[in-house]
């Protein structure tokens, strides 16, 4: 049996908040650029439903995804690491 310790659980919870915050930021930046999910999907060469999954944090986010999305939107990846991470993200 695998038991998650309190500190590990806190890290997992924090990561999930990070994913939600990044998804929210992706949507915000995409909308600022006047792009639809379909437009962003085309730039990333992925399906629209994958963009939706990124924005809704229902997809395991990889650093390469963050880099690709940032560049497709005309930003440096650091834009996703400058957002506050709270329980309400």
Foldseek 3Di string as FASTA:
>chain_A
DDDQDPVNVVVVLQVLLLQQLLLCVLVVLCVVVVHDLCRLCVLLVHDSVVNVCSNRVVDPDDLVNLCSSQVSSPHHSCVSVPDDRDNVD
